[in-house]
Amino acid sequence: MSGSALNTGEQQEAGAQKAFEHLNDKGGLLGKEIIVISLDDACDSRQAKAVAKQLVSEGVVFVVGHVCSSSSLAVSKIYEKAGIIMISSASTNPKVTDEGGPNVFRTIGRDDQQGMIAGDYLAKNYSKSNIAILHDGDAYGLGLAEFTKLQLNKRGVTEVLFDRYTQDQKDYKSIVGNYGSEGFMEYSAIGLNTNLASRLEQACQPGEIYISHTSWALVNGEIPCEEVGTIEVKGFHYPIQTYRVLQHDVEMVPES
């Protein structure tokens, strides 16, 4: 697995494999063994289409996925045409099921539902503050940001900034330079990774820093860490592979 949703993808893969192993142990489906094929779309719509076409060519009848909304939106019509059932446990953009065919399902709440809750929360707790809403332009991030903004505005609160950042960019000064100034005293970051970071903070002891496997993969070799193992955290239906940061004062030198 790879891409921006690496951690979620790995957990979905592990959960699906375990479920199919359980079914096969009980005789499979209609007396036949279930064969599992695992492919990586890297949370990229173009690669997702290539993955979908490969699965169609191999005669797959059921797909667990895709994780990212952008990938699910890119492949749903391919699966519909081939008569393949698709169930996503992570794609939250409303278009996935609103525009998807009768073969498309999901087992997670939609961005319009999450955005309503986030907008209500910001309006209730930060109506007197300057609010900035940022997104990464992807189907998930943009969708959640837009529905959060919509509900916030319905509550009579207008954000001072609605902007996009580029995934994996090295310099965020143009976006975050004003945070903490008189113009931006309050801001809120929302999303799956933000929730996970908050849960890991609650799980560790005072003075410790816990990070997920995804974060560890980014800093491995630069910041010393040790493996903690998997832990259960609230709001996630799967164990999180966790690492403890051993040295907090490492200076990261940007690449020139």
Protein backbone atom coordinates (compact mmCIF):
# COMPACT_ATOMS: atom_id res chain seq x y z
CA MET A 1 0.00 0.00 0.00
CA SER A 2 1.09 3.57 -0.65
CA GLY A 3 -0.21 7.11 -1.08
CA SER A 4 -1.78 9.66 1.26
CA ALA A 5 -4.17 7.09 2.79
CA LEU A 6 -1.47 4.48 3.41
CA ASN A 7 -2.51 3.69 6.98
CA THR A 8 -6.19 3.31 6.14
CA GLY A 9 -5.37 1.20 3.10
CA GLU A 10 -3.19 -1.18 5.09
CA GLN A 11 -5.87 -1.62 7.73
CA GLN A 12 -8.61 -2.18 5.15
CA GLU A 13 -6.47 -4.78 3.42
CA ALA A 14 -5.76 -6.59 6.69
CA GLY A 15 -9.43 -6.52 7.71
CA ALA A 16 -10.67 -7.79 4.35
CA GLN A 17 -8.14 -10.61 4.27
CA LYS A 18 -9.11 -11.67 7.78
CA ALA A 19 -12.81 -11.66 6.89
CA PHE A 20 -12.28 -13.79 3.79
CA GLU A 21 -10.05 -16.20 5.71
CA HIS A 22 -12.87 -16.61 8.21
CA LEU A 23 -15.36 -17.31 5.42
CA ASN A 24 -13.03 -19.80 3.74
CA ASP A 25 -12.51 -21.61 7.05
CA LYS A 26 -16.28 -22.12 7.13
CA GLY A 27 -16.45 -23.53 3.61
CA GLY A 28 -16.16 -20.42 1.49
CA LEU A 29 -19.01 -18.88 -0.50
CA LEU A 30 -21.55 -21.29 -2.00
CA GLY A 31 -19.07 -24.06 -1.40
CA LYS A 32 -16.24 -22.33 -3.26
CA GLU A 33 -13.02 -20.86 -1.87
CA ILE A 34 -12.77 -17.06 -2.03
CA ILE A 35 -9.62 -15.93 -3.83
CA VAL A 36 -8.30 -12.55 -2.64
CA ILE A 37 -6.39 -10.18 -4.94
CA SER A 38 -4.83 -7.08 -3.37
CA LEU A 39 -3.83 -4.10 -5.54
CA ASP A 40 -2.63 -0.59 -4.70
CA ASP A 41 -4.14 2.52 -6.34
CA ALA A 42 -1.92 4.89 -4.27
CA CYS A 43 -4.97 7.13 -3.76
CA ASP A 44 -4.48 8.29 -7.35
CA SER A 45 -7.43 8.39 -9.75
CA ARG A 46 -5.39 7.44 -12.83
CA GLN A 47 -3.76 4.50 -11.08
CA ALA A 48 -7.16 3.51 -9.70
CA LYS A 49 -8.52 3.19 -13.24
CA ALA A 50 -5.60 0.94 -14.18
CA VAL A 51 -6.27 -1.18 -11.08
CA ALA A 52 -9.98 -1.42 -11.92
CA LYS A 53 -9.31 -2.51 -15.49
CA GLN A 54 -6.89 -5.18 -14.24
CA LEU A 55 -9.49 -6.51 -11.80
CA VAL A 56 -12.09 -6.63 -14.56
CA SER A 57 -9.68 -8.57 -16.79
CA GLU A 58 -9.05 -11.09 -14.00
CA GLY A 59 -12.76 -11.77 -13.59
CA VAL A 60 -13.20 -10.29 -10.12
CA VAL A 61 -16.85 -10.14 -8.95
CA PHE A 62 -16.53 -8.09 -5.74
CA VAL A 63 -14.27 -5.18 -4.73
CA VAL A 64 -13.60 -4.00 -1.17
CA GLY A 65 -12.69 -0.38 -1.82
CA HIS A 66 -11.54 1.96 -2.90
CA VAL A 67 -10.29 3.94 0.10
CA CYS A 68 -10.00 7.46 -1.33
CA SER A 69 -13.08 9.19 -2.71
CA SER A 70 -11.20 10.37 -5.79
CA SER A 71 -10.33 6.76 -6.63
CA SER A 72 -13.85 5.48 -6.00
CA LEU A 73 -15.32 8.19 -8.23
CA ALA A 74 -12.87 7.30 -10.99
CA VAL A 75 -13.65 3.57 -11.05
CA SER A 76 -17.32 3.15 -10.16
CA LYS A 77 -18.50 3.27 -13.79
CA ILE A 78 -15.87 0.71 -14.81
CA TYR A 79 -17.17 -1.71 -12.19
CA GLU A 80 -20.80 -0.95 -13.06
CA LYS A 81 -20.21 -1.78 -16.71
CA ALA A 82 -18.50 -5.05 -15.71
CA GLY A 83 -21.21 -5.97 -13.20
CA ILE A 84 -18.82 -5.87 -10.23
CA ILE A 85 -20.11 -4.98 -6.76
CA MET A 86 -18.06 -2.30 -4.99
CA ILE A 87 -18.26 -1.53 -1.26
CA SER A 88 -16.06 1.23 0.17
CA SER A 89 -15.42 1.52 3.88
CA ALA A 90 -13.71 4.89 3.60
CA SER A 91 -14.91 7.00 0.63
CA THR A 92 -17.04 9.76 2.12
CA ASN A 93 -17.70 12.09 -0.83
CA PRO A 94 -21.49 12.13 -1.47
CA LYS A 95 -20.95 11.72 -5.22
CA VAL A 96 -19.62 8.19 -4.67
CA THR A 97 -23.14 6.88 -4.06
CA ASP A 98 -25.20 9.74 -5.48
CA GLU A 99 -23.63 9.33 -8.92
CA GLY A 100 -22.54 5.71 -8.60
CA GLY A 101 -24.61 2.90 -10.06
CA PRO A 102 -26.66 0.22 -8.27
CA ASN A 103 -23.44 -1.73 -7.72
CA VAL A 104 -21.83 0.95 -5.48
CA PHE A 105 -22.15 0.94 -1.68
CA ARG A 106 -20.34 2.33 1.33
CA THR A 107 -20.23 1.65 5.06
CA ILE A 108 -19.14 5.09 6.29
CA GLY A 109 -20.79 8.47 6.81
CA ARG A 110 -20.78 11.12 4.07
CA ASP A 111 -18.96 14.44 3.90
CA ASP A 112 -22.24 16.36 4.04
CA GLN A 113 -22.99 14.67 7.37
CA GLN A 114 -19.49 15.23 8.75
CA GLY A 115 -19.38 18.79 7.41
CA MET A 116 -22.66 19.64 9.12
CA ILE A 117 -21.27 18.50 12.46
CA ALA A 118 -17.98 20.35 11.93
CA GLY A 119 -19.75 23.55 10.82
CA ASP A 120 -22.09 23.45 13.81
CA TYR A 121 -19.14 22.89 16.16
CA LEU A 122 -17.18 25.84 14.77
CA ALA A 123 -20.25 28.10 14.82
CA LYS A 124 -21.05 27.16 18.41
CA ASN A 125 -17.52 27.45 19.80
CA TYR A 126 -15.70 29.94 17.56
CA SER A 127 -18.35 32.30 16.15
CA LYS A 128 -16.48 35.32 17.55
CA SER A 129 -13.12 34.19 16.16
CA ASN A 130 -11.48 34.35 12.74
CA ILE A 131 -11.87 30.93 11.13
CA ALA A 132 -9.68 29.53 8.33
CA ILE A 133 -10.69 26.39 6.41
CA LEU A 134 -7.98 24.60 4.42
CA HIS A 135 -8.21 21.58 2.12
CA ASP A 136 -5.89 19.60 -0.16
CA GLY A 137 -8.08 19.79 -3.26
CA ASP A 138 -8.76 16.04 -3.26
CA ALA A 139 -12.31 14.72 -3.43
CA TYR A 140 -12.34 13.95 0.30
CA GLY A 141 -10.62 17.06 1.62
CA LEU A 142 -12.41 19.50 -0.68
CA GLY A 143 -15.80 17.87 -0.11
CA LEU A 144 -15.50 17.98 3.67
CA ALA A 145 -14.22 21.56 3.59
CA GLU A 146 -17.05 22.73 1.32
CA PHE A 147 -19.78 21.16 3.45
CA THR A 148 -18.18 22.53 6.62
CA LYS A 149 -18.16 26.01 5.06
CA LEU A 150 -21.77 25.61 3.89
CA GLN A 151 -23.04 24.73 7.36
CA LEU A 152 -20.88 27.39 9.01
CA ASN A 153 -22.34 30.04 6.68
CA LYS A 154 -25.88 28.76 7.32
CA ARG A 155 -25.25 29.43 11.01
CA GLY A 156 -24.42 33.05 10.16
CA VAL A 157 -20.64 32.76 10.48
CA THR A 158 -18.29 33.60 7.61
CA GLU A 159 -14.75 32.25 7.46
CA VAL A 160 -11.90 34.67 6.80
CA LEU A 161 -9.98 32.18 4.65
CA PHE A 162 -10.99 29.23 2.46
CA ASP A 163 -7.89 27.98 0.69
CA ARG A 164 -6.11 24.99 -0.76
CA TYR A 165 -2.67 23.60 -0.04
CA THR A 166 -0.72 21.16 -2.19
CA GLN A 167 -0.08 17.68 -0.87
CA ASP A 168 3.59 16.99 -0.07
CA GLN A 169 4.63 20.61 -0.60
CA LYS A 170 7.79 21.55 1.28
CA ASP A 171 6.99 25.13 2.25
CA TYR A 172 3.71 26.22 3.87
CA LYS A 173 4.76 29.75 4.76
CA SER A 174 2.38 31.33 2.26
CA ILE A 175 -0.55 29.65 4.03
CA VAL A 176 0.38 29.50 7.71
CA GLY A 177 2.47 32.66 7.91
CA ASN A 178 -0.38 34.65 9.47
CA TYR A 179 -1.52 32.00 11.95
CA GLY A 180 -1.16 33.29 15.46
CA SER A 181 -1.33 36.91 14.31
CA GLU A 182 -4.16 39.22 15.25
CA GLY A 183 -5.97 38.20 12.07
CA PHE A 184 -5.82 34.46 12.74
CA MET A 185 -6.01 33.82 16.47
CA GLU A 186 -8.27 30.76 16.18
CA TYR A 187 -8.21 27.98 13.61
CA SER A 188 -9.31 24.38 13.40
CA ALA A 189 -7.85 21.41 11.55
CA ILE A 190 -10.28 18.60 10.76
CA GLY A 191 -10.06 15.21 9.12
CA LEU A 192 -9.05 11.61 9.71
CA ASN A 193 -5.35 12.27 10.28
CA THR A 194 -6.10 15.10 12.70
CA ASN A 195 -8.38 12.81 14.70
CA LEU A 196 -5.72 10.10 14.76
CA ALA A 197 -3.05 12.54 15.97
CA SER A 198 -5.35 13.63 18.80
CA ARG A 199 -6.01 10.03 19.85
CA LEU A 200 -2.30 9.15 19.83
CA GLU A 201 -1.60 12.21 21.98
CA GLN A 202 -4.14 10.93 24.51
CA ALA A 203 -2.64 7.43 24.45
CA CYS A 204 0.95 8.38 25.32
CA GLN A 205 2.42 9.42 28.66
CA PRO A 206 3.35 13.04 29.55
CA GLY A 207 6.52 14.04 27.72
CA GLU A 208 6.11 11.33 25.07
CA ILE A 209 5.23 11.64 21.40
CA TYR A 210 3.46 8.84 19.54
CA ILE A 211 3.23 8.74 15.75
CA SER A 212 1.50 6.41 13.31
CA HIS A 213 3.20 4.15 10.77
CA THR A 214 2.52 6.69 8.03
CA SER A 215 4.35 9.45 9.93
CA TRP A 216 7.13 7.07 10.91
CA ALA A 217 7.70 6.16 7.25
CA LEU A 218 8.20 9.86 6.46
CA VAL A 219 10.78 10.51 9.20
CA ASN A 220 12.48 7.11 9.38
CA GLY A 221 16.24 7.67 9.23
CA GLU A 222 15.89 11.31 10.24
CA ILE A 223 14.26 11.11 13.68
CA PRO A 224 15.02 8.19 16.03
CA CYS A 225 11.91 6.21 17.02
CA GLU A 226 11.06 2.86 18.57
CA GLU A 227 8.12 0.63 17.80
CA VAL A 228 5.38 0.55 20.43
CA GLY A 229 3.19 -1.96 18.65
CA THR A 230 -0.49 -1.72 17.79
CA ILE A 231 -2.91 0.13 20.05
CA GLU A 232 -6.68 0.55 20.03
CA VAL A 233 -7.86 4.17 19.79
CA LYS A 234 -11.34 5.66 19.95
CA GLY A 235 -13.01 6.30 16.63
CA PHE A 236 -10.97 3.74 14.69
CA HIS A 237 -12.24 0.22 14.15
CA TYR A 238 -8.77 -1.22 13.69
CA PRO A 239 -5.50 -1.22 15.70
CA ILE A 240 -3.01 1.54 14.91
CA GLN A 241 0.66 0.65 14.38
CA THR A 242 2.41 3.12 16.67
CA TYR A 243 5.95 4.39 17.26
CA ARG A 244 7.48 6.44 20.10
CA VAL A 245 9.69 9.40 19.15
CA LEU A 246 12.96 9.08 21.08
CA GLN A 247 14.50 12.47 20.30
CA HIS A 248 12.31 15.56 20.08
CA ASP A 249 14.85 18.25 19.22
CA VAL A 250 16.10 17.01 15.85
CA GLU A 251 16.58 19.86 13.38
CA MET A 252 15.17 19.00 9.95
CA VAL A 253 17.08 20.75 7.17
CA PRO A 254 14.89 21.39 4.08
CA GLU A 255 16.18 20.10 0.78
CA SER A 256 17.49 22.85 -1.45
